[in-house]
Amino acid sequence: MWDFSFAASFRLVLRTWPFVLLRLVVYAAICTGFAVSVGLGAGIGWSVGHLFAGDGPSTGAMIGALGGFGLVWAILWWARQYLVYIVKAGHVAALDALLHGKELPTGSDQIAYATAAVNARFLAVNVLFGIDLLIRGVVRALVGMLNLLTGWIPGMRALNAFVNAVLKIALGLVDEIILAYIIRREGTEPAEAARDGLVLYAQNAGAMARNAVWIALMEYALAAVILLILLGPALGLAILLPGGLSGFGVVFAFIAAWALKAALIEPLSIASLLQAYDIAIDGQTPDPAWTARLDGASSAFRDLAARTAGPRGAEGPLSARGQAG
């Protein structure tokens, strides 16, 4: 059925509780930022709206709220590379190290230890973020290639919607899995390790998709429970908000559900996919035929090849039980 253990995933995430706490703090700050910015924007818009007749205050509040929402979104877009570096890469390194039998410190020392492994492999935030963007570009090409398998079949729209949902799980977290593979491949250039890791993922796409079905079901079930819990307070907030702003109560519920999903559920998915990936690629080497396919399908994959001319990353404190490529 699947090639991972939910219990093992839970244990891995629990043992990396400092990163889970860090995720909660970061995403709680994001939710707070949205709430404060939207509230201030609505208040300013409401005040300015009194200068106009009719429903000026309500319209002004709506425009101000949307402006506050857009401002926070723009800040997040600008700061996304630091979120990748601070929140994602270190947690992935810690999860993968524990999966391969390494002992990690506890508390804040765990964050420092895992972050040191990331530093050793990528040296700078922009290098990590640049490779992460290239990996995402390859993932988009993989999604396109897999969609071609069913997209032409008449009457397959509903199936394609489900397939795309599974692909979002199977391929949406590929960058985290490949980051773990890069960190594990000490002594190999990050871009070269990324290419090998992506080829190994592609040549085991069937097995990874099969596991992703179950992970997708888990994510949807847990996310639905979180959203249902949050909708009660959100509807209460919607009643308190004036006029056209009542819908923002529900919007906040979805934002909070997204934040809790990213903080609590996503690490479980990553831990599960790491297990499945390890089992799938065990004893394999990258298939040149798949390398050629990805070279032909993705300019981002070819760009990774161009980056292999750069300096090799230094060895970091985390190592694996072996290399799979």
C-alpha atoms as a PDB file:
ATOM      1  CA  MET A   1       0.000   0.000   0.000  1.00  0.00           C
ATOM      2  CA  TRP A   2       2.574   2.576   1.094  1.00  0.00           C
ATOM      3  CA  ASP A   3       6.287   2.559   1.832  1.00  0.00           C
ATOM      4  CA  PHE A   4       6.389   4.600   5.009  1.00  0.00           C
ATOM      5  CA  SER A   5       5.153   4.505   8.572  1.00  0.00           C
ATOM      6  CA  PHE A   6       2.863   7.224   9.886  1.00  0.00           C
ATOM      7  CA  ALA A   7       4.049   6.335  13.376  1.00  0.00           C
ATOM      8  CA  ALA A   8       7.677   6.776  12.323  1.00  0.00           C
ATOM      9  CA  SER A   9       6.806  10.109  10.695  1.00  0.00           C
ATOM     10  CA  PHE A  10       5.135  11.273  13.891  1.00  0.00           C
ATOM     11  CA  ARG A  11       8.176  10.232  15.947  1.00  0.00           C
ATOM     12  CA  LEU A  12      10.546  12.053  13.580  1.00  0.00           C
ATOM     13  CA  VAL A  13       8.488  15.243  13.760  1.00  0.00           C
ATOM     14  CA  LEU A  14       8.148  14.958  17.527  1.00  0.00           C
ATOM     15  CA  ARG A  15      11.931  14.595  17.909  1.00  0.00           C
ATOM     16  CA  THR A  16      12.367  17.808  15.903  1.00  0.00           C
ATOM     17  CA  TRP A  17       9.977  19.754  18.142  1.00  0.00           C
ATOM     18  CA  PRO A  18      12.248  22.845  18.206  1.00  0.00           C
ATOM     19  CA  PHE A  19      11.658  23.248  14.465  1.00  0.00           C
ATOM     20  CA  VAL A  20       7.926  22.595  14.886  1.00  0.00           C
ATOM     21  CA  LEU A  21       7.834  25.323  17.527  1.00  0.00           C
ATOM     22  CA  LEU A  22       9.807  27.609  15.203  1.00  0.00           C
ATOM     23  CA  ARG A  23       7.298  26.912  12.424  1.00  0.00           C
ATOM     24  CA  LEU A  24       4.407  27.721  14.769  1.00  0.00           C
ATOM     25  CA  VAL A  25       6.031  31.007  15.803  1.00  0.00           C
ATOM     26  CA  VAL A  26       6.799  32.021  12.215  1.00  0.00           C
ATOM     27  CA  TYR A  27       3.368  31.175  10.835  1.00  0.00           C
ATOM     28  CA  ALA A  28       1.610  32.662  13.862  1.00  0.00           C
ATOM     29  CA  ALA A  29       3.534  35.862  13.186  1.00  0.00           C
ATOM     30  CA  ILE A  30       2.370  35.730   9.570  1.00  0.00           C
ATOM     31  CA  CYS A  31      -1.276  35.336  10.660  1.00  0.00           C
ATOM     32  CA  THR A  32      -0.878  38.162  13.162  1.00  0.00           C
ATOM     33  CA  GLY A  33       0.660  40.313  10.456  1.00  0.00           C
ATOM     34  CA  PHE A  34      -2.328  39.703   8.186  1.00  0.00           C
ATOM     35  CA  ALA A  35      -4.803  40.442  10.990  1.00  0.00           C
ATOM     36  CA  VAL A  36      -3.088  43.653  12.107  1.00  0.00           C
ATOM     37  CA  SER A  37      -2.477  44.928   8.585  1.00  0.00           C
ATOM     38  CA  VAL A  38      -6.030  44.200   7.436  1.00  0.00           C
ATOM     39  CA  GLY A  39      -7.454  45.720  10.625  1.00  0.00           C
ATOM     40  CA  LEU A  40      -5.395  48.885  10.348  1.00  0.00           C
ATOM     41  CA  GLY A  41      -6.125  49.189   6.640  1.00  0.00           C
ATOM     42  CA  ALA A  42      -9.841  48.783   7.261  1.00  0.00           C
ATOM     43  CA  GLY A  43      -9.787  51.347  10.071  1.00  0.00           C
ATOM     44  CA  ILE A  44      -7.943  53.902   7.969  1.00  0.00           C
ATOM     45  CA  GLY A  45     -10.227  53.248   5.007  1.00  0.00           C
ATOM     46  CA  TRP A  46     -13.311  53.588   7.222  1.00  0.00           C
ATOM     47  CA  SER A  47     -12.104  56.955   8.526  1.00  0.00           C
ATOM     48  CA  VAL A  48     -11.240  58.278   5.077  1.00  0.00           C
ATOM     49  CA  GLY A  49     -14.538  56.956   3.720  1.00  0.00           C
ATOM     50  CA  HIS A  50     -16.469  59.384   5.903  1.00  0.00           C
ATOM     51  CA  LEU A  51     -15.272  62.132   3.583  1.00  0.00           C
ATOM     52  CA  PHE A  52     -17.554  60.673   0.914  1.00  0.00           C
ATOM     53  CA  ALA A  53     -21.306  60.325   0.829  1.00  0.00           C
ATOM     54  CA  GLY A  54     -23.353  57.135   0.752  1.00  0.00           C
ATOM     55  CA  ASP A  55     -21.538  53.905   1.545  1.00  0.00           C
ATOM     56  CA  GLY A  56     -18.151  55.651   1.508  1.00  0.00           C
ATOM     57  CA  PRO A  57     -17.054  54.302   4.920  1.00  0.00           C
ATOM     58  CA  SER A  58     -17.841  50.675   4.012  1.00  0.00           C
ATOM     59  CA  THR A  59     -16.180  50.973   0.614  1.00  0.00           C
ATOM     60  CA  GLY A  60     -13.166  52.696   2.147  1.00  0.00           C
ATOM     61  CA  ALA A  61     -12.866  49.977   4.789  1.00  0.00           C
ATOM     62  CA  MET A  62     -12.977  47.266   2.115  1.00  0.00           C
ATOM     63  CA  ILE A  63     -10.308  48.978   0.010  1.00  0.00           C
ATOM     64  CA  GLY A  64      -8.130  49.560   3.088  1.00  0.00           C
ATOM     65  CA  ALA A  65      -8.472  45.943   4.188  1.00  0.00           C
ATOM     66  CA  LEU A  66      -7.525  44.652   0.742  1.00  0.00           C
ATOM     67  CA  GLY A  67      -4.576  47.042   0.690  1.00  0.00           C
ATOM     68  CA  GLY A  68      -3.387  45.764   4.082  1.00  0.00           C
ATOM     69  CA  PHE A  69      -3.747  42.157   2.921  1.00  0.00           C
ATOM     70  CA  GLY A  70      -1.766  42.920  -0.249  1.00  0.00           C
ATOM     71  CA  LEU A  71       0.968  44.669   1.719  1.00  0.00           C
ATOM     72  CA  VAL A  72       1.627  41.636   3.936  1.00  0.00           C
ATOM     73  CA  TRP A  73       1.504  39.341   0.903  1.00  0.00           C
ATOM     74  CA  ALA A  74       4.117  41.489  -0.843  1.00  0.00           C
ATOM     75  CA  ILE A  75       6.369  41.406   2.232  1.00  0.00           C
ATOM     76  CA  LEU A  76       6.084  37.614   2.367  1.00  0.00           C
ATOM     77  CA  TRP A  77       6.964  37.383  -1.326  1.00  0.00           C
ATOM     78  CA  TRP A  78      10.085  39.450  -0.694  1.00  0.00           C
ATOM     79  CA  ALA A  79      11.063  37.468   2.407  1.00  0.00           C
ATOM     80  CA  ARG A  80      10.283  34.026   1.002  1.00  0.00           C
ATOM     81  CA  GLN A  81      13.929  33.092   0.454  1.00  0.00           C
ATOM     82  CA  TYR A  82      14.627  33.646   4.154  1.00  0.00           C
ATOM     83  CA  LEU A  83      11.600  31.523   5.065  1.00  0.00           C
ATOM     84  CA  VAL A  84      13.037  28.760   2.862  1.00  0.00           C
ATOM     85  CA  TYR A  85      16.388  29.096   4.605  1.00  0.00           C
ATOM     86  CA  ILE A  86      15.249  29.510   8.213  1.00  0.00           C
ATOM     87  CA  VAL A  87      12.139  27.321   8.371  1.00  0.00           C
ATOM     88  CA  LYS A  88      12.379  24.695   5.666  1.00  0.00           C
ATOM     89  CA  ALA A  89      15.960  23.711   4.947  1.00  0.00           C
ATOM     90  CA  GLY A  90      17.052  23.280   8.555  1.00  0.00           C
ATOM     91  CA  HIS A  91      14.000  21.197   9.451  1.00  0.00           C
ATOM     92  CA  VAL A  92      14.503  18.975   6.401  1.00  0.00           C
ATOM     93  CA  ALA A  93      18.153  18.460   7.357  1.00  0.00           C
ATOM     94  CA  ALA A  94      17.163  17.495  10.903  1.00  0.00           C
ATOM     95  CA  LEU A  95      14.432  15.079   9.776  1.00  0.00           C
ATOM     96  CA  ASP A  96      16.724  13.395   7.258  1.00  0.00           C
ATOM     97  CA  ALA A  97      19.550  13.081   9.784  1.00  0.00           C
ATOM     98  CA  LEU A  98      17.262  11.369  12.301  1.00  0.00           C
ATOM     99  CA  LEU A  99      15.893   9.106   9.566  1.00  0.00           C
ATOM    100  CA  HIS A 100      19.438   7.945   8.887  1.00  0.00           C
ATOM    101  CA  GLY A 101      20.224   7.190  12.515  1.00  0.00           C
ATOM    102  CA  LYS A 102      22.023  10.376  13.511  1.00  0.00           C
ATOM    103  CA  GLU A 103      21.703  11.836  16.979  1.00  0.00           C
ATOM    104  CA  LEU A 104      20.794  15.511  17.204  1.00  0.00           C
ATOM    105  CA  PRO A 105      20.983  17.981  20.075  1.00  0.00           C
ATOM    106  CA  THR A 106      17.766  19.108  21.723  1.00  0.00           C
ATOM    107  CA  GLY A 107      16.311  22.556  22.170  1.00  0.00           C
ATOM    108  CA  SER A 108      17.721  25.528  20.322  1.00  0.00           C
ATOM    109  CA  ASP A 109      20.997  23.652  19.796  1.00  0.00           C
ATOM    110  CA  GLN A 110      19.183  21.410  17.328  1.00  0.00           C
ATOM    111  CA  ILE A 111      18.266  24.393  15.178  1.00  0.00           C
ATOM    112  CA  ALA A 112      21.842  25.690  15.260  1.00  0.00           C
ATOM    113  CA  TYR A 113      23.225  22.238  14.437  1.00  0.00           C
ATOM    114  CA  ALA A 114      20.926  21.619  11.465  1.00  0.00           C
ATOM    115  CA  THR A 115      21.379  25.160  10.173  1.00  0.00           C
ATOM    116  CA  ALA A 116      25.157  24.603  10.242  1.00  0.00           C
ATOM    117  CA  ALA A 117      24.656  21.627   7.908  1.00  0.00           C
ATOM    118  CA  VAL A 118      22.714  23.832   5.508  1.00  0.00           C
ATOM    119  CA  ASN A 119      25.386  26.536   5.700  1.00  0.00           C
ATOM    120  CA  ALA A 120      28.106  23.993   4.941  1.00  0.00           C
ATOM    121  CA  ARG A 121      26.378  22.862   1.756  1.00  0.00           C
ATOM    122  CA  PHE A 122      25.030  26.164   0.412  1.00  0.00           C
ATOM    123  CA  LEU A 123      27.296  28.811   1.982  1.00  0.00           C
ATOM    124  CA  ALA A 124      24.763  31.609   1.404  1.00  0.00           C
ATOM    125  CA  VAL A 125      21.017  32.154   1.459  1.00  0.00           C
ATOM    126  CA  ASN A 126      20.873  33.193  -2.186  1.00  0.00           C
ATOM    127  CA  VAL A 127      22.638  29.996  -3.324  1.00  0.00           C
ATOM    128  CA  LEU A 128      20.113  27.804  -1.497  1.00  0.00           C
ATOM    129  CA  PHE A 129      17.181  29.863  -2.750  1.00  0.00           C
ATOM    130  CA  GLY A 130      18.505  29.862  -6.325  1.00  0.00           C
ATOM    131  CA  ILE A 131      18.790  26.083  -6.383  1.00  0.00           C
ATOM    132  CA  ASP A 132      15.378  25.762  -4.727  1.00  0.00           C
ATOM    133  CA  LEU A 133      13.830  27.868  -7.512  1.00  0.00           C
ATOM    134  CA  LEU A 134      15.504  25.725 -10.162  1.00  0.00           C
ATOM    135  CA  ILE A 135      14.222  22.555  -8.491  1.00  0.00           C
ATOM    136  CA  ARG A 136      10.706  24.010  -8.519  1.00  0.00           C
ATOM    137  CA  GLY A 137      11.120  24.728 -12.224  1.00  0.00           C
ATOM    138  CA  VAL A 138      11.977  21.092 -12.867  1.00  0.00           C
ATOM    139  CA  VAL A 139       8.978  20.023 -10.764  1.00  0.00           C
ATOM    140  CA  ARG A 140       6.661  22.101 -12.979  1.00  0.00           C
ATOM    141  CA  ALA A 141       8.094  20.295 -16.001  1.00  0.00           C
ATOM    142  CA  LEU A 142       7.488  16.922 -14.312  1.00  0.00           C
ATOM    143  CA  VAL A 143       3.867  17.873 -13.606  1.00  0.00           C
ATOM    144  CA  GLY A 144       3.422  18.792 -17.266  1.00  0.00           C
ATOM    145  CA  MET A 145       4.944  15.510 -18.430  1.00  0.00           C
ATOM    146  CA  LEU A 146       2.722  13.428 -16.148  1.00  0.00           C
ATOM    147  CA  ASN A 147      -0.429  15.364 -17.041  1.00  0.00           C
ATOM    148  CA  LEU A 148       0.125  14.494 -20.705  1.00  0.00           C
ATOM    149  CA  LEU A 149      -0.477  10.845 -19.809  1.00  0.00           C
ATOM    150  CA  THR A 150      -4.166  11.410 -18.968  1.00  0.00           C
ATOM    151  CA  GLY A 151      -5.035  14.914 -20.201  1.00  0.00           C
ATOM    152  CA  TRP A 152      -5.942  13.754 -23.730  1.00  0.00           C
ATOM    153  CA  ILE A 153      -8.456  11.071 -22.620  1.00  0.00           C
ATOM    154  CA  PRO A 154     -12.131  12.148 -23.091  1.00  0.00           C
ATOM    155  CA  GLY A 155     -14.214  12.272 -19.924  1.00  0.00           C
ATOM    156  CA  MET A 156     -11.162  12.214 -17.668  1.00  0.00           C
ATOM    157  CA  ARG A 157     -11.630  15.708 -16.231  1.00  0.00           C
ATOM    158  CA  ALA A 158     -12.650  14.489 -12.760  1.00  0.00           C
ATOM    159  CA  LEU A 159      -9.855  11.926 -12.709  1.00  0.00           C
ATOM    160  CA  ASN A 160      -7.367  14.562 -13.825  1.00  0.00           C
ATOM    161  CA  ALA A 161      -8.484  16.827 -10.973  1.00  0.00           C
ATOM    162  CA  PHE A 162      -7.740  14.033  -8.509  1.00  0.00           C
ATOM    163  CA  VAL A 163      -4.461  13.188 -10.272  1.00  0.00           C
ATOM    164  CA  ASN A 164      -3.417  16.823 -10.065  1.00  0.00           C
ATOM    165  CA  ALA A 165      -4.236  16.867  -6.346  1.00  0.00           C
ATOM    166  CA  VAL A 166      -2.023  13.824  -5.847  1.00  0.00           C
ATOM    167  CA  LEU A 167       0.718  15.327  -8.002  1.00  0.00           C
ATOM    168  CA  LYS A 168       0.581  18.453  -5.848  1.00  0.00           C
ATOM    169  CA  ILE A 169       1.533  16.286  -2.878  1.00  0.00           C
ATOM    170  CA  ALA A 170       3.893  13.977  -4.768  1.00  0.00           C
ATOM    171  CA  LEU A 171       5.716  16.814  -6.507  1.00  0.00           C
ATOM    172  CA  GLY A 172       4.855  19.804  -4.316  1.00  0.00           C
ATOM    173  CA  LEU A 173       7.361  18.720  -1.682  1.00  0.00           C
ATOM    174  CA  VAL A 174      10.030  17.495  -4.094  1.00  0.00           C
ATOM    175  CA  ASP A 175      12.213  20.491  -3.305  1.00  0.00           C
ATOM    176  CA  GLU A 176      12.322  19.483   0.374  1.00  0.00           C
ATOM    177  CA  ILE A 177      13.187  15.881  -0.529  1.00  0.00           C
ATOM    178  CA  ILE A 178      15.910  17.002  -2.934  1.00  0.00           C
ATOM    179  CA  LEU A 179      17.300  19.460  -0.366  1.00  0.00           C
ATOM    180  CA  ALA A 180      17.667  16.533   2.034  1.00  0.00           C
ATOM    181  CA  TYR A 181      19.394  14.523  -0.702  1.00  0.00           C
ATOM    182  CA  ILE A 182      21.785  17.415  -1.444  1.00  0.00           C
ATOM    183  CA  ILE A 183      22.729  17.815   2.216  1.00  0.00           C
ATOM    184  CA  ARG A 184      23.271  14.064   2.463  1.00  0.00           C
ATOM    185  CA  ARG A 185      25.590  14.037  -0.567  1.00  0.00           C
ATOM    186  CA  GLU A 186      28.566  15.626   1.155  1.00  0.00           C
ATOM    187  CA  GLY A 187      31.485  16.331  -1.160  1.00  0.00           C
ATOM    188  CA  THR A 188      29.236  16.632  -4.229  1.00  0.00           C
ATOM    189  CA  GLU A 189      28.351  19.978  -5.747  1.00  0.00           C
ATOM    190  CA  PRO A 190      24.812  20.944  -4.661  1.00  0.00           C
ATOM    191  CA  ALA A 191      23.612  21.437  -8.243  1.00  0.00           C
ATOM    192  CA  GLU A 192      25.014  18.082  -9.342  1.00  0.00           C
ATOM    193  CA  ALA A 193      23.412  16.350  -6.352  1.00  0.00           C
ATOM    194  CA  ALA A 194      20.127  18.109  -7.162  1.00  0.00           C
ATOM    195  CA  ARG A 195      20.180  16.750 -10.725  1.00  0.00           C
ATOM    196  CA  ASP A 196      20.889  13.228  -9.499  1.00  0.00           C
ATOM    197  CA  GLY A 197      18.175  13.456  -6.860  1.00  0.00           C
ATOM    198  CA  LEU A 198      15.603  14.722  -9.362  1.00  0.00           C
ATOM    199  CA  VAL A 199      16.431  11.963 -11.853  1.00  0.00           C
ATOM    200  CA  LEU A 200      16.075   9.329  -9.122  1.00  0.00           C
ATOM    201  CA  TYR A 201      12.724  10.848  -8.158  1.00  0.00           C
ATOM    202  CA  ALA A 202      11.522  10.896 -11.772  1.00  0.00           C
ATOM    203  CA  GLN A 203      12.504   7.300 -12.483  1.00  0.00           C
ATOM    204  CA  ASN A 204      10.539   6.243  -9.387  1.00  0.00           C
ATOM    205  CA  ALA A 205       7.579   8.537 -10.084  1.00  0.00           C
ATOM    206  CA  GLY A 206       5.077   5.660  -9.964  1.00  0.00           C
ATOM    207  CA  ALA A 207       6.103   4.548  -6.482  1.00  0.00           C
ATOM    208  CA  MET A 208       6.232   8.132  -5.225  1.00  0.00           C
ATOM    209  CA  ALA A 209       2.759   8.885  -6.637  1.00  0.00           C
ATOM    210  CA  ARG A 210       1.359   5.750  -4.998  1.00  0.00           C
ATOM    211  CA  ASN A 211       2.663   6.900  -1.622  1.00  0.00           C
ATOM    212  CA  ALA A 212       1.449  10.430  -2.301  1.00  0.00           C
ATOM    213  CA  VAL A 213      -2.160   9.224  -2.584  1.00  0.00           C
ATOM    214  CA  TRP A 214      -2.148   8.178   1.050  1.00  0.00           C
ATOM    215  CA  ILE A 215      -0.260  11.279   2.169  1.00  0.00           C
ATOM    216  CA  ALA A 216      -2.768  13.445   0.277  1.00  0.00           C
ATOM    217  CA  LEU A 217      -5.672  11.742   2.039  1.00  0.00           C
ATOM    218  CA  MET A 218      -3.970  12.344   5.391  1.00  0.00           C
ATOM    219  CA  GLU A 219      -3.336  16.013   4.598  1.00  0.00           C
ATOM    220  CA  TYR A 220      -6.896  16.669   3.439  1.00  0.00           C
ATOM    221  CA  ALA A 221      -8.411  14.929   6.448  1.00  0.00           C
ATOM    222  CA  LEU A 222      -6.269  16.787   8.986  1.00  0.00           C
ATOM    223  CA  ALA A 223      -6.638  20.136   7.189  1.00  0.00           C
ATOM    224  CA  ALA A 224     -10.435  19.688   7.103  1.00  0.00           C
ATOM    225  CA  VAL A 225     -10.498  19.028  10.851  1.00  0.00           C
ATOM    226  CA  ILE A 226      -8.419  22.156  11.526  1.00  0.00           C
ATOM    227  CA  LEU A 227     -10.640  24.287   9.281  1.00  0.00           C
ATOM    228  CA  LEU A 228     -13.835  23.037  10.932  1.00  0.00           C
ATOM    229  CA  ILE A 229     -12.411  23.899  14.351  1.00  0.00           C
ATOM    230  CA  LEU A 230     -11.503  27.404  13.199  1.00  0.00           C
ATOM    231  CA  LEU A 231     -14.755  28.154  11.360  1.00  0.00           C
ATOM    232  CA  GLY A 232     -16.707  28.606  14.599  1.00  0.00           C
ATOM    233  CA  PRO A 233     -14.634  31.537  15.887  1.00  0.00           C
ATOM    234  CA  ALA A 234     -14.387  32.858  12.311  1.00  0.00           C
ATOM    235  CA  LEU A 235     -18.168  33.040  11.947  1.00  0.00           C
ATOM    236  CA  GLY A 236     -18.350  34.830  15.292  1.00  0.00           C
ATOM    237  CA  LEU A 237     -15.797  37.350  14.023  1.00  0.00           C
ATOM    238  CA  ALA A 238     -17.754  37.723  10.796  1.00  0.00           C
ATOM    239  CA  ILE A 239     -20.847  38.735  12.802  1.00  0.00           C
ATOM    240  CA  LEU A 240     -18.871  41.395  14.675  1.00  0.00           C
ATOM    241  CA  LEU A 241     -17.303  42.923  11.562  1.00  0.00           C
ATOM    242  CA  PRO A 242     -19.299  45.663   9.810  1.00  0.00           C
ATOM    243  CA  GLY A 243     -20.996  45.225   6.442  1.00  0.00           C
ATOM    244  CA  GLY A 244     -18.777  44.098   3.602  1.00  0.00           C
ATOM    245  CA  LEU A 245     -15.943  43.182   5.977  1.00  0.00           C
ATOM    246  CA  SER A 246     -17.824  40.201   7.413  1.00  0.00           C
ATOM    247  CA  GLY A 247     -16.277  37.916   4.812  1.00  0.00           C
ATOM    248  CA  PHE A 248     -12.813  38.579   6.211  1.00  0.00           C
ATOM    249  CA  GLY A 249     -13.663  36.471   9.262  1.00  0.00           C
ATOM    250  CA  VAL A 250     -13.861  33.408   7.030  1.00  0.00           C
ATOM    251  CA  VAL A 251     -10.748  34.521   5.152  1.00  0.00           C
ATOM    252  CA  PHE A 252      -8.848  34.638   8.452  1.00  0.00           C
ATOM    253  CA  ALA A 253     -10.030  31.101   9.210  1.00  0.00           C
ATOM    254  CA  PHE A 254      -8.553  29.861   5.941  1.00  0.00           C
ATOM    255  CA  ILE A 255      -5.293  31.759   6.596  1.00  0.00           C
ATOM    256  CA  ALA A 256      -5.038  30.284  10.088  1.00  0.00           C
ATOM    257  CA  ALA A 257      -5.816  26.795   8.748  1.00  0.00           C
ATOM    258  CA  TRP A 258      -3.088  27.237   6.107  1.00  0.00           C
ATOM    259  CA  ALA A 259      -0.625  28.343   8.800  1.00  0.00           C
ATOM    260  CA  LEU A 260      -1.370  25.364  11.044  1.00  0.00           C
ATOM    261  CA  LYS A 261      -1.162  23.022   8.059  1.00  0.00           C
ATOM    262  CA  ALA A 262       2.259  24.424   7.138  1.00  0.00           C
ATOM    263  CA  ALA A 263       3.468  24.268  10.734  1.00  0.00           C
ATOM    264  CA  LEU A 264       2.094  20.884  11.833  1.00  0.00           C
ATOM    265  CA  ILE A 265       0.883  18.777   8.897  1.00  0.00           C
ATOM    266  CA  GLU A 266       3.527  19.549   6.267  1.00  0.00           C
ATOM    267  CA  PRO A 267       6.408  18.167   8.402  1.00  0.00           C
ATOM    268  CA  LEU A 268       4.499  14.856   8.671  1.00  0.00           C
ATOM    269  CA  SER A 269       4.167  14.752   4.883  1.00  0.00           C
ATOM    270  CA  ILE A 270       7.864  15.511   4.428  1.00  0.00           C
ATOM    271  CA  ALA A 271       8.900  12.811   6.903  1.00  0.00           C
ATOM    272  CA  SER A 272       6.660  10.309   5.109  1.00  0.00           C
ATOM    273  CA  LEU A 273       7.966  11.211   1.650  1.00  0.00           C
ATOM    274  CA  LEU A 274      11.572  11.022   2.886  1.00  0.00           C
ATOM    275  CA  GLN A 275      10.937   7.445   4.003  1.00  0.00           C
ATOM    276  CA  ALA A 276       9.279   6.508   0.707  1.00  0.00           C
ATOM    277  CA  TYR A 277      12.050   8.163  -1.337  1.00  0.00           C
ATOM    278  CA  ASP A 278      14.787   6.337   0.572  1.00  0.00           C
ATOM    279  CA  ILE A 279      13.121   2.983  -0.062  1.00  0.00           C
ATOM    280  CA  ALA A 280      12.431   3.762  -3.734  1.00  0.00           C
ATOM    281  CA  ILE A 281      15.991   4.786  -4.647  1.00  0.00           C
ATOM    282  CA  ASP A 282      17.805   2.203  -2.526  1.00  0.00           C
ATOM    283  CA  GLY A 283      20.648   0.746  -4.591  1.00  0.00           C
ATOM    284  CA  GLN A 284      19.781   2.792  -7.697  1.00  0.00           C
ATOM    285  CA  THR A 285      21.844   5.171  -9.787  1.00  0.00           C
ATOM    286  CA  PRO A 286      20.470   7.932 -12.046  1.00  0.00           C
ATOM    287  CA  ASP A 287      19.226   6.537 -15.366  1.00  0.00           C
ATOM    288  CA  PRO A 288      20.849   8.410 -18.313  1.00  0.00           C
ATOM    289  CA  ALA A 289      17.606   8.046 -20.282  1.00  0.00           C
ATOM    290  CA  TRP A 290      15.705   9.946 -17.594  1.00  0.00           C
ATOM    291  CA  THR A 291      18.479  12.533 -17.424  1.00  0.00           C
ATOM    292  CA  ALA A 292      18.058  13.116 -21.156  1.00  0.00           C
ATOM    293  CA  ARG A 293      14.270  13.382 -20.806  1.00  0.00           C
ATOM    294  CA  LEU A 294      14.552  16.013 -18.095  1.00  0.00           C
ATOM    295  CA  ASP A 295      17.224  17.901 -20.046  1.00  0.00           C
ATOM    296  CA  GLY A 296      14.837  18.041 -22.988  1.00  0.00           C
ATOM    297  CA  ALA A 297      11.782  18.983 -20.923  1.00  0.00           C
ATOM    298  CA  SER A 298      13.148  21.568 -18.484  1.00  0.00           C
ATOM    299  CA  SER A 299      15.440  24.538 -18.954  1.00  0.00           C
ATOM    300  CA  ALA A 300      15.738  24.709 -15.154  1.00  0.00           C
ATOM    301  CA  PHE A 301      17.196  21.195 -15.166  1.00  0.00           C
ATOM    302  CA  ARG A 302      19.733  22.280 -17.786  1.00  0.00           C
ATOM    303  CA  ASP A 303      20.531  25.343 -15.667  1.00  0.00           C
ATOM    304  CA  LEU A 304      21.406  23.023 -12.790  1.00  0.00           C
ATOM    305  CA  ALA A 305      23.985  21.396 -15.066  1.00  0.00           C
ATOM    306  CA  ALA A 306      25.496  24.818 -15.760  1.00  0.00           C
ATOM    307  CA  ARG A 307      25.852  25.433 -12.029  1.00  0.00           C
ATOM    308  CA  THR A 308      28.006  22.337 -11.532  1.00  0.00           C
ATOM    309  CA  ALA A 309      30.988  24.348 -12.723  1.00  0.00           C
ATOM    310  CA  GLY A 310      30.900  26.278  -9.422  1.00  0.00           C
ATOM    311  CA  PRO A 311      32.883  25.484  -6.278  1.00  0.00           C
ATOM    312  CA  ARG A 312      32.016  22.360  -4.373  1.00  0.00           C
ATOM    313  CA  GLY A 313      30.218  22.715  -1.072  1.00  0.00           C
ATOM    314  CA  ALA A 314      32.175  22.021   2.069  1.00  0.00           C
ATOM    315  CA  GLU A 315      31.368  18.992   4.155  1.00  0.00           C
ATOM    316  CA  GLY A 316      28.793  19.562   6.873  1.00  0.00           C
ATOM    317  CA  PRO A 317      28.133  17.968  10.247  1.00  0.00           C
ATOM    318  CA  LEU A 318      25.320  15.739   9.024  1.00  0.00           C
ATOM    319  CA  SER A 319      26.090  12.630   7.035  1.00  0.00           C
ATOM    320  CA  ALA A 320      24.039   9.747   5.746  1.00  0.00           C
ATOM    321  CA  ARG A 321      24.389   6.025   6.007  1.00  0.00           C
ATOM    322  CA  GLY A 322      25.258   6.011   2.316  1.00  0.00           C
ATOM    323  CA  GLN A 323      24.758   7.780  -0.990  1.00  0.00           C
ATOM    324  CA  ALA A 324      22.109   6.680  -3.420  1.00  0.00           C
ATOM    325  CA  GLY A 325      23.424   8.285  -6.581  1.00  0.00           C
END
